[in-house]
Amino acid sequence: MLGAQNKQDLVKIKKSISRFIIILVNEDINTKASSLIEKYALSHGLELPDSLNAATSILPSLELFTYNIKDYKFISELSLFKS
């Protein structure tokens, strides 16, 4: 789950994400994720799970909460949550 390496990480992640809204993937998010893959897969190595995460944040104009900034920082239309 979200890169948890041990039980402490998992507890920290669960506590952090409990403050956020859960958005279900839909056709618009799938389409946006596909366009992100086309744009960034070759140049930045963007993979499907990360494109879905980004699209799920981009469409409702929400910040993406992640500890893995390097996989998203190149997506200009994405806002990353700053703690």
PDB file of N, CA and C in Angstrom:
ATOM      1  N   MET A   1       0.834  -1.189   0.000  1.00  0.00           N
ATOM      2  CA  MET A   1       0.000   0.000   0.000  1.00  0.00           C
ATOM      3  C   MET A   1       0.870   1.240   0.000  1.00  0.00           C
ATOM      4  N   LEU A   2       0.836   2.007  -1.044  1.00  0.00           N
ATOM      5  CA  LEU A   2       1.532   3.280  -1.149  1.00  0.00           C
ATOM      6  C   LEU A   2       2.998   3.234  -0.740  1.00  0.00           C
ATOM      7  N   GLY A   3       3.676   2.155  -0.999  1.00  0.00           N
ATOM      8  CA  GLY A   3       5.092   2.079  -0.735  1.00  0.00           C
ATOM      9  C   GLY A   3       5.464   1.844   0.719  1.00  0.00           C
ATOM     10  N   ALA A   4       4.590   1.273   1.499  1.00  0.00           N
ATOM     11  CA  ALA A   4       4.900   0.996   2.900  1.00  0.00           C
ATOM     12  C   ALA A   4       5.998  -0.061   2.967  1.00  0.00           C
ATOM     13  N   GLN A   5       7.038   0.226   3.713  1.00  0.00           N
ATOM     14  CA  GLN A   5       8.160  -0.692   3.848  1.00  0.00           C
ATOM     15  C   GLN A   5       8.045  -1.541   5.120  1.00  0.00           C
ATOM     16  N   ASN A   6       7.305  -1.054   6.081  1.00  0.00           N
ATOM     17  CA  ASN A   6       7.141  -1.776   7.340  1.00  0.00           C
ATOM     18  C   ASN A   6       5.842  -1.302   8.004  1.00  0.00           C
ATOM     19  N   LYS A   7       5.570  -1.872   9.165  1.00  0.00           N
ATOM     20  CA  LYS A   7       4.310  -1.547   9.858  1.00  0.00           C
ATOM     21  C   LYS A   7       4.250  -0.075  10.258  1.00  0.00           C
ATOM     22  N   GLN A   8       5.369   0.499  10.645  1.00  0.00           N
ATOM     23  CA  GLN A   8       5.409   1.922  11.012  1.00  0.00           C
ATOM     24  C   GLN A   8       5.025   2.799   9.824  1.00  0.00           C
ATOM     25  N   ASP A   9       5.572   2.466   8.646  1.00  0.00           N
ATOM     26  CA  ASP A   9       5.223   3.209   7.431  1.00  0.00           C
ATOM     27  C   ASP A   9       3.734   3.102   7.145  1.00  0.00           C
ATOM     28  N   LEU A  10       3.186   1.905   7.288  1.00  0.00           N
ATOM     29  CA  LEU A  10       1.779   1.674   7.013  1.00  0.00           C
ATOM     30  C   LEU A  10       0.892   2.496   7.948  1.00  0.00           C
ATOM     31  N   VAL A  11       1.243   2.553   9.216  1.00  0.00           N
ATOM     32  CA  VAL A  11       0.485   3.345  10.186  1.00  0.00           C
ATOM     33  C   VAL A  11       0.551   4.826   9.808  1.00  0.00           C
ATOM     34  N   LYS A  12       1.731   5.302   9.451  1.00  0.00           N
ATOM     35  CA  LYS A  12       1.913   6.698   9.055  1.00  0.00           C
ATOM     36  C   LYS A  12       1.069   7.018   7.818  1.00  0.00           C
ATOM     37  N   ILE A  13       1.075   6.135   6.824  1.00  0.00           N
ATOM     38  CA  ILE A  13       0.312   6.342   5.590  1.00  0.00           C
ATOM     39  C   ILE A  13      -1.180   6.342   5.877  1.00  0.00           C
ATOM     40  N   LYS A  14      -1.657   5.370   6.654  1.00  0.00           N
ATOM     41  CA  LYS A  14      -3.085   5.300   6.976  1.00  0.00           C
ATOM     42  C   LYS A  14      -3.542   6.564   7.696  1.00  0.00           C
ATOM     43  N   LYS A  15      -2.740   7.049   8.627  1.00  0.00           N
ATOM     44  CA  LYS A  15      -3.084   8.263   9.362  1.00  0.00           C
ATOM     45  C   LYS A  15      -3.123   9.463   8.417  1.00  0.00           C
ATOM     46  N   SER A  16      -2.168   9.543   7.518  1.00  0.00           N
ATOM     47  CA  SER A  16      -2.098  10.667   6.588  1.00  0.00           C
ATOM     48  C   SER A  16      -3.267  10.684   5.616  1.00  0.00           C
ATOM     49  N   ILE A  17      -3.601   9.539   5.050  1.00  0.00           N
ATOM     50  CA  ILE A  17      -4.659   9.528   4.025  1.00  0.00           C
ATOM     51  C   ILE A  17      -6.064   9.603   4.606  1.00  0.00           C
ATOM     52  N   SER A  18      -6.214   9.408   5.893  1.00  0.00           N
ATOM     53  CA  SER A  18      -7.551   9.460   6.485  1.00  0.00           C
ATOM     54  C   SER A  18      -8.170  10.852   6.378  1.00  0.00           C
ATOM     55  N   ARG A  19      -7.352  11.877   6.128  1.00  0.00           N
ATOM     56  CA  ARG A  19      -7.854  13.247   6.019  1.00  0.00           C
ATOM     57  C   ARG A  19      -8.365  13.599   4.627  1.00  0.00           C
ATOM     58  N   PHE A  20      -8.186  12.710   3.667  1.00  0.00           N
ATOM     59  CA  PHE A  20      -8.465  13.049   2.280  1.00  0.00           C
ATOM     60  C   PHE A  20      -9.727  12.389   1.749  1.00  0.00           C
ATOM     61  N   ILE A  21     -10.238  12.932   0.649  1.00  0.00           N
ATOM     62  CA  ILE A  21     -11.413  12.417  -0.036  1.00  0.00           C
ATOM     63  C   ILE A  21     -10.984  11.268  -0.947  1.00  0.00           C
ATOM     64  N   ILE A  22     -11.826  10.247  -1.054  1.00  0.00           N
ATOM     65  CA  ILE A  22     -11.575   9.145  -1.974  1.00  0.00           C
ATOM     66  C   ILE A  22     -12.387   9.406  -3.243  1.00  0.00           C
ATOM     67  N   ILE A  23     -11.722   9.367  -4.401  1.00  0.00           N
ATOM     68  CA  ILE A  23     -12.391   9.577  -5.683  1.00  0.00           C
ATOM     69  C   ILE A  23     -12.269   8.299  -6.494  1.00  0.00           C
ATOM     70  N   LEU A  24     -13.380   7.829  -7.016  1.00  0.00           N
ATOM     71  CA  LEU A  24     -13.384   6.608  -7.808  1.00  0.00           C
ATOM     72  C   LEU A  24     -12.958   6.907  -9.245  1.00  0.00           C
ATOM     73  N   VAL A  25     -12.264   5.958  -9.833  1.00  0.00           N
ATOM     74  CA  VAL A  25     -11.844   6.087 -11.222  1.00  0.00           C
ATOM     75  C   VAL A  25     -13.076   5.969 -12.114  1.00  0.00           C
ATOM     76  N   ASN A  26     -13.171   6.848 -13.111  1.00  0.00           N
ATOM     77  CA  ASN A  26     -14.278   6.819 -14.059  1.00  0.00           C
ATOM     78  C   ASN A  26     -13.729   7.005 -15.478  1.00  0.00           C
ATOM     79  N   GLU A  27     -14.610   7.096 -16.458  1.00  0.00           N
ATOM     80  CA  GLU A  27     -14.181   7.189 -17.855  1.00  0.00           C
ATOM     81  C   GLU A  27     -13.328   8.429 -18.112  1.00  0.00           C
ATOM     82  N   ASP A  28     -13.692   9.564 -17.523  1.00  0.00           N
ATOM     83  CA  ASP A  28     -12.913  10.796 -17.713  1.00  0.00           C
ATOM     84  C   ASP A  28     -11.505  10.646 -17.148  1.00  0.00           C
ATOM     85  N   ILE A  29     -11.391  10.037 -15.996  1.00  0.00           N
ATOM     86  CA  ILE A  29     -10.074   9.813 -15.386  1.00  0.00           C
ATOM     87  C   ILE A  29      -9.266   8.841 -16.237  1.00  0.00           C
ATOM     88  N   ASN A  30      -9.901   7.785 -16.745  1.00  0.00           N
ATOM     89  CA  ASN A  30      -9.200   6.844 -17.626  1.00  0.00           C
ATOM     90  C   ASN A  30      -8.668   7.543 -18.875  1.00  0.00           C
ATOM     91  N   THR A  31      -9.489   8.408 -19.463  1.00  0.00           N
ATOM     92  CA  THR A  31      -9.080   9.134 -20.664  1.00  0.00           C
ATOM     93  C   THR A  31      -7.911  10.069 -20.358  1.00  0.00           C
ATOM     94  N   LYS A  32      -7.993  10.774 -19.233  1.00  0.00           N
ATOM     95  CA  LYS A  32      -6.910  11.686 -18.842  1.00  0.00           C
ATOM     96  C   LYS A  32      -5.632  10.905 -18.559  1.00  0.00           C
ATOM     97  N   ALA A  33      -5.743   9.782 -17.875  1.00  0.00           N
ATOM     98  CA  ALA A  33      -4.567   8.942 -17.586  1.00  0.00           C
ATOM     99  C   ALA A  33      -3.919   8.478 -18.881  1.00  0.00           C
ATOM    100  N   SER A  34      -4.727   8.101 -19.841  1.00  0.00           N
ATOM    101  CA  SER A  34      -4.213   7.663 -21.136  1.00  0.00           C
ATOM    102  C   SER A  34      -3.449   8.792 -21.831  1.00  0.00           C
ATOM    103  N   SER A  35      -3.979  10.001 -21.769  1.00  0.00           N
ATOM    104  CA  SER A  35      -3.280  11.129 -22.403  1.00  0.00           C
ATOM    105  C   SER A  35      -1.971  11.445 -21.679  1.00  0.00           C
ATOM    106  N   LEU A  36      -1.956  11.277 -20.365  1.00  0.00           N
ATOM    107  CA  LEU A  36      -0.709  11.483 -19.611  1.00  0.00           C
ATOM    108  C   LEU A  36       0.342  10.442 -19.994  1.00  0.00           C
ATOM    109  N   ILE A  37      -0.084   9.201 -20.179  1.00  0.00           N
ATOM    110  CA  ILE A  37       0.832   8.139 -20.616  1.00  0.00           C
ATOM    111  C   ILE A  37       1.422   8.496 -21.979  1.00  0.00           C
ATOM    112  N   GLU A  38       0.562   8.921 -22.904  1.00  0.00           N
ATOM    113  CA  GLU A  38       1.047   9.294 -24.243  1.00  0.00           C
ATOM    114  C   GLU A  38       2.059  10.435 -24.171  1.00  0.00           C
ATOM    115  N   LYS A  39       1.819  11.372 -23.291  1.00  0.00           N
ATOM    116  CA  LYS A  39       2.680  12.548 -23.198  1.00  0.00           C
ATOM    117  C   LYS A  39       3.990  12.280 -22.445  1.00  0.00           C
ATOM    118  N   TYR A  40       3.939  11.443 -21.385  1.00  0.00           N
ATOM    119  CA  TYR A  40       5.096  11.334 -20.492  1.00  0.00           C
ATOM    120  C   TYR A  40       5.742   9.948 -20.372  1.00  0.00           C
ATOM    121  N   ALA A  41       5.174   8.930 -20.971  1.00  0.00           N
ATOM    122  CA  ALA A  41       5.741   7.584 -20.797  1.00  0.00           C
ATOM    123  C   ALA A  41       7.165   7.487 -21.334  1.00  0.00           C
ATOM    124  N   LEU A  42       7.388   7.950 -22.541  1.00  0.00           N
ATOM    125  CA  LEU A  42       8.725   7.841 -23.134  1.00  0.00           C
ATOM    126  C   LEU A  42       9.712   8.831 -22.532  1.00  0.00           C
ATOM    127  N   SER A  43       9.273  10.057 -22.316  1.00  0.00           N
ATOM    128  CA  SER A  43      10.203  11.081 -21.835  1.00  0.00           C
ATOM    129  C   SER A  43      10.530  10.967 -20.351  1.00  0.00           C
ATOM    130  N   HIS A  44       9.567  10.493 -19.539  1.00  0.00           N
ATOM    131  CA  HIS A  44       9.768  10.476 -18.092  1.00  0.00           C
ATOM    132  C   HIS A  44       9.494   9.116 -17.451  1.00  0.00           C
ATOM    133  N   GLY A  45       9.114   8.127 -18.246  1.00  0.00           N
ATOM    134  CA  GLY A  45       8.868   6.792 -17.696  1.00  0.00           C
ATOM    135  C   GLY A  45       7.579   6.674 -16.904  1.00  0.00           C
ATOM    136  N   LEU A  46       6.602   7.551 -17.174  1.00  0.00           N
ATOM    137  CA  LEU A  46       5.331   7.496 -16.456  1.00  0.00           C
ATOM    138  C   LEU A  46       4.637   6.171 -16.738  1.00  0.00           C
ATOM    139  N   GLU A  47       4.201   5.505 -15.689  1.00  0.00           N
ATOM    140  CA  GLU A  47       3.523   4.215 -15.823  1.00  0.00           C
ATOM    141  C   GLU A  47       2.057   4.363 -15.448  1.00  0.00           C
ATOM    142  N   LEU A  48       1.263   3.358 -15.819  1.00  0.00           N
ATOM    143  CA  LEU A  48      -0.185   3.414 -15.660  1.00  0.00           C
ATOM    144  C   LEU A  48      -0.654   3.751 -14.237  1.00  0.00           C
ATOM    145  N   PRO A  49      -0.167   3.089 -13.195  1.00  0.00           N
ATOM    146  CA  PRO A  49      -0.662   3.434 -11.852  1.00  0.00           C
ATOM    147  C   PRO A  49      -0.435   4.911 -11.496  1.00  0.00           C
ATOM    148  N   ASP A  50       0.735   5.431 -11.841  1.00  0.00           N
ATOM    149  CA  ASP A  50       1.021   6.835 -11.541  1.00  0.00           C
ATOM    150  C   ASP A  50       0.175   7.767 -12.395  1.00  0.00           C
ATOM    151  N   SER A  51      -0.088   7.386 -13.642  1.00  0.00           N
ATOM    152  CA  SER A  51      -0.930   8.235 -14.495  1.00  0.00           C
ATOM    153  C   SER A  51      -2.366   8.271 -13.969  1.00  0.00           C
ATOM    154  N   LEU A  52      -2.849   7.159 -13.445  1.00  0.00           N
ATOM    155  CA  LEU A  52      -4.188   7.132 -12.854  1.00  0.00           C
ATOM    156  C   LEU A  52      -4.254   7.999 -11.599  1.00  0.00           C
ATOM    157  N   ASN A  53      -3.224   7.923 -10.770  1.00  0.00           N
ATOM    158  CA  ASN A  53      -3.170   8.783  -9.575  1.00  0.00           C
ATOM    159  C   ASN A  53      -3.182  10.256  -9.970  1.00  0.00           C
ATOM    160  N   ALA A  54      -2.361  10.603 -10.945  1.00  0.00           N
ATOM    161  CA  ALA A  54      -2.286  12.006 -11.381  1.00  0.00           C
ATOM    162  C   ALA A  54      -3.614  12.468 -11.966  1.00  0.00           C
ATOM    163  N   ALA A  55      -4.195  11.671 -12.849  1.00  0.00           N
ATOM    164  CA  ALA A  55      -5.463  12.048 -13.483  1.00  0.00           C
ATOM    165  C   ALA A  55      -6.573  12.212 -12.457  1.00  0.00           C
ATOM    166  N   THR A  56      -6.563  11.374 -11.440  1.00  0.00           N
ATOM    167  CA  THR A  56      -7.587  11.441 -10.397  1.00  0.00           C
ATOM    168  C   THR A  56      -7.474  12.740  -9.602  1.00  0.00           C
ATOM    169  N   SER A  57      -6.305  13.320  -9.554  1.00  0.00           N
ATOM    170  CA  SER A  57      -6.120  14.610  -8.877  1.00  0.00           C
ATOM    171  C   SER A  57      -6.328  15.790  -9.811  1.00  0.00           C
ATOM    172  N   ILE A  58      -5.927  15.633 -11.057  1.00  0.00           N
ATOM    173  CA  ILE A  58      -6.009  16.737 -12.014  1.00  0.00           C
ATOM    174  C   ILE A  58      -7.454  17.120 -12.317  1.00  0.00           C
ATOM    175  N   LEU A  59      -8.288  16.141 -12.611  1.00  0.00           N
ATOM    176  CA  LEU A  59      -9.647  16.459 -13.076  1.00  0.00           C
ATOM    177  C   LEU A  59     -10.507  17.212 -12.063  1.00  0.00           C
ATOM    178  N   PRO A  60     -10.490  16.849 -10.804  1.00  0.00           N
ATOM    179  CA  PRO A  60     -11.266  17.668  -9.854  1.00  0.00           C
ATOM    180  C   PRO A  60     -10.455  18.839  -9.278  1.00  0.00           C
ATOM    181  N   SER A  61      -9.254  19.065  -9.827  1.00  0.00           N
ATOM    182  CA  SER A  61      -8.371  20.154  -9.371  1.00  0.00           C
ATOM    183  C   SER A  61      -8.014  20.027  -7.897  1.00  0.00           C
ATOM    184  N   LEU A  62      -7.586  18.838  -7.510  1.00  0.00           N
ATOM    185  CA  LEU A  62      -7.146  18.581  -6.142  1.00  0.00           C
ATOM    186  C   LEU A  62      -5.649  18.354  -6.114  1.00  0.00           C
ATOM    187  N   GLU A  63      -5.039  18.569  -4.970  1.00  0.00           N
ATOM    188  CA  GLU A  63      -3.614  18.283  -4.809  1.00  0.00           C
ATOM    189  C   GLU A  63      -3.419  16.789  -4.596  1.00  0.00           C
ATOM    190  N   LEU A  64      -2.342  16.256  -5.156  1.00  0.00           N
ATOM    191  CA  LEU A  64      -2.002  14.849  -4.977  1.00  0.00           C
ATOM    192  C   LEU A  64      -1.097  14.714  -3.763  1.00  0.00           C
ATOM    193  N   PHE A  65      -1.501  13.872  -2.829  1.00  0.00           N
ATOM    194  CA  PHE A  65      -0.678  13.574  -1.654  1.00  0.00           C
ATOM    195  C   PHE A  65       0.178  12.359  -1.974  1.00  0.00           C
ATOM    196  N   THR A  66       1.488  12.528  -1.967  1.00  0.00           N
ATOM    197  CA  THR A  66       2.404  11.427  -2.220  1.00  0.00           C
ATOM    198  C   THR A  66       3.753  11.722  -1.575  1.00  0.00           C
ATOM    199  N   TYR A  67       4.435  10.652  -1.171  1.00  0.00           N
ATOM    200  CA  TYR A  67       5.814  10.779  -0.709  1.00  0.00           C
ATOM    201  C   TYR A  67       6.770  10.561  -1.873  1.00  0.00           C
ATOM    202  N   ASN A  68       6.240  10.244  -3.039  1.00  0.00           N
ATOM    203  CA  ASN A  68       7.032   9.904  -4.206  1.00  0.00           C
ATOM    204  C   ASN A  68       6.963  11.037  -5.236  1.00  0.00           C
ATOM    205  N   ILE A  69       7.456  12.181  -4.883  1.00  0.00           N
ATOM    206  CA  ILE A  69       7.378  13.392  -5.704  1.00  0.00           C
ATOM    207  C   ILE A  69       8.038  13.198  -7.065  1.00  0.00           C
ATOM    208  N   LYS A  70       9.133  12.476  -7.131  1.00  0.00           N
ATOM    209  CA  LYS A  70       9.904  12.351  -8.372  1.00  0.00           C
ATOM    210  C   LYS A  70       9.110  11.748  -9.520  1.00  0.00           C
ATOM    211  N   ASP A  71       8.112  10.929  -9.219  1.00  0.00           N
ATOM    212  CA  ASP A  71       7.316  10.303 -10.277  1.00  0.00           C
ATOM    213  C   ASP A  71       6.228  11.222 -10.826  1.00  0.00           C
ATOM    214  N   TYR A  72       6.061  12.404 -10.242  1.00  0.00           N
ATOM    215  CA  TYR A  72       4.977  13.296 -10.638  1.00  0.00           C
ATOM    216  C   TYR A  72       5.413  14.723 -10.944  1.00  0.00           C
ATOM    217  N   LYS A  73       6.585  15.144 -10.489  1.00  0.00           N
ATOM    218  CA  LYS A  73       6.966  16.556 -10.540  1.00  0.00           C
ATOM    219  C   LYS A  73       7.011  17.142 -11.948  1.00  0.00           C
ATOM    220  N   PHE A  74       7.110  16.333 -12.956  1.00  0.00           N
ATOM    221  CA  PHE A  74       7.192  16.801 -14.344  1.00  0.00           C
ATOM    222  C   PHE A  74       5.820  17.049 -14.980  1.00  0.00           C
ATOM    223  N   ILE A  75       4.751  16.693 -14.298  1.00  0.00           N
ATOM    224  CA  ILE A  75       3.399  16.877 -14.838  1.00  0.00           C
ATOM    225  C   ILE A  75       2.933  18.283 -14.457  1.00  0.00           C
ATOM    226  N   SER A  76       3.002  19.194 -15.416  1.00  0.00           N
ATOM    227  CA  SER A  76       2.780  20.617 -15.132  1.00  0.00           C
ATOM    228  C   SER A  76       1.373  20.932 -14.631  1.00  0.00           C
ATOM    229  N   GLU A  77       0.379  20.202 -15.086  1.00  0.00           N
ATOM    230  CA  GLU A  77      -0.997  20.505 -14.677  1.00  0.00           C
ATOM    231  C   GLU A  77      -1.387  19.881 -13.341  1.00  0.00           C
ATOM    232  N   LEU A  78      -0.467  19.169 -12.719  1.00  0.00           N
ATOM    233  CA  LEU A  78      -0.715  18.490 -11.449  1.00  0.00           C
ATOM    234  C   LEU A  78      -0.196  19.326 -10.293  1.00  0.00           C
ATOM    235  N   SER A  79      -1.017  19.498  -9.275  1.00  0.00           N
ATOM    236  CA  SER A  79      -0.592  20.177  -8.040  1.00  0.00           C
ATOM    237  C   SER A  79      -0.259  19.103  -7.002  1.00  0.00           C
ATOM    238  N   LEU A  80       0.918  19.202  -6.430  1.00  0.00           N
ATOM    239  CA  LEU A  80       1.339  18.254  -5.399  1.00  0.00           C
ATOM    240  C   LEU A  80       1.122  18.853  -4.021  1.00  0.00           C
ATOM    241  N   PHE A  81       0.603  18.036  -3.104  1.00  0.00           N
ATOM    242  CA  PHE A  81       0.359  18.462  -1.728  1.00  0.00           C
ATOM    243  C   PHE A  81       1.686  18.713  -1.035  1.00  0.00           C
ATOM    244  N   LYS A  82       1.781  19.857  -0.409  1.00  0.00           N
ATOM    245  CA  LYS A  82       3.003  20.190   0.359  1.00  0.00           C
ATOM    246  C   LYS A  82       2.643  20.190   1.825  1.00  0.00           C
ATOM    247  N   SER A  83       3.293  19.300   2.573  1.00  0.00           N
ATOM    248  CA  SER A  83       2.968  19.186   4.012  1.00  0.00           C
ATOM    249  C   SER A  83       3.720  20.181   4.844  1.00  0.00           C
TER     250      SER A  83
END
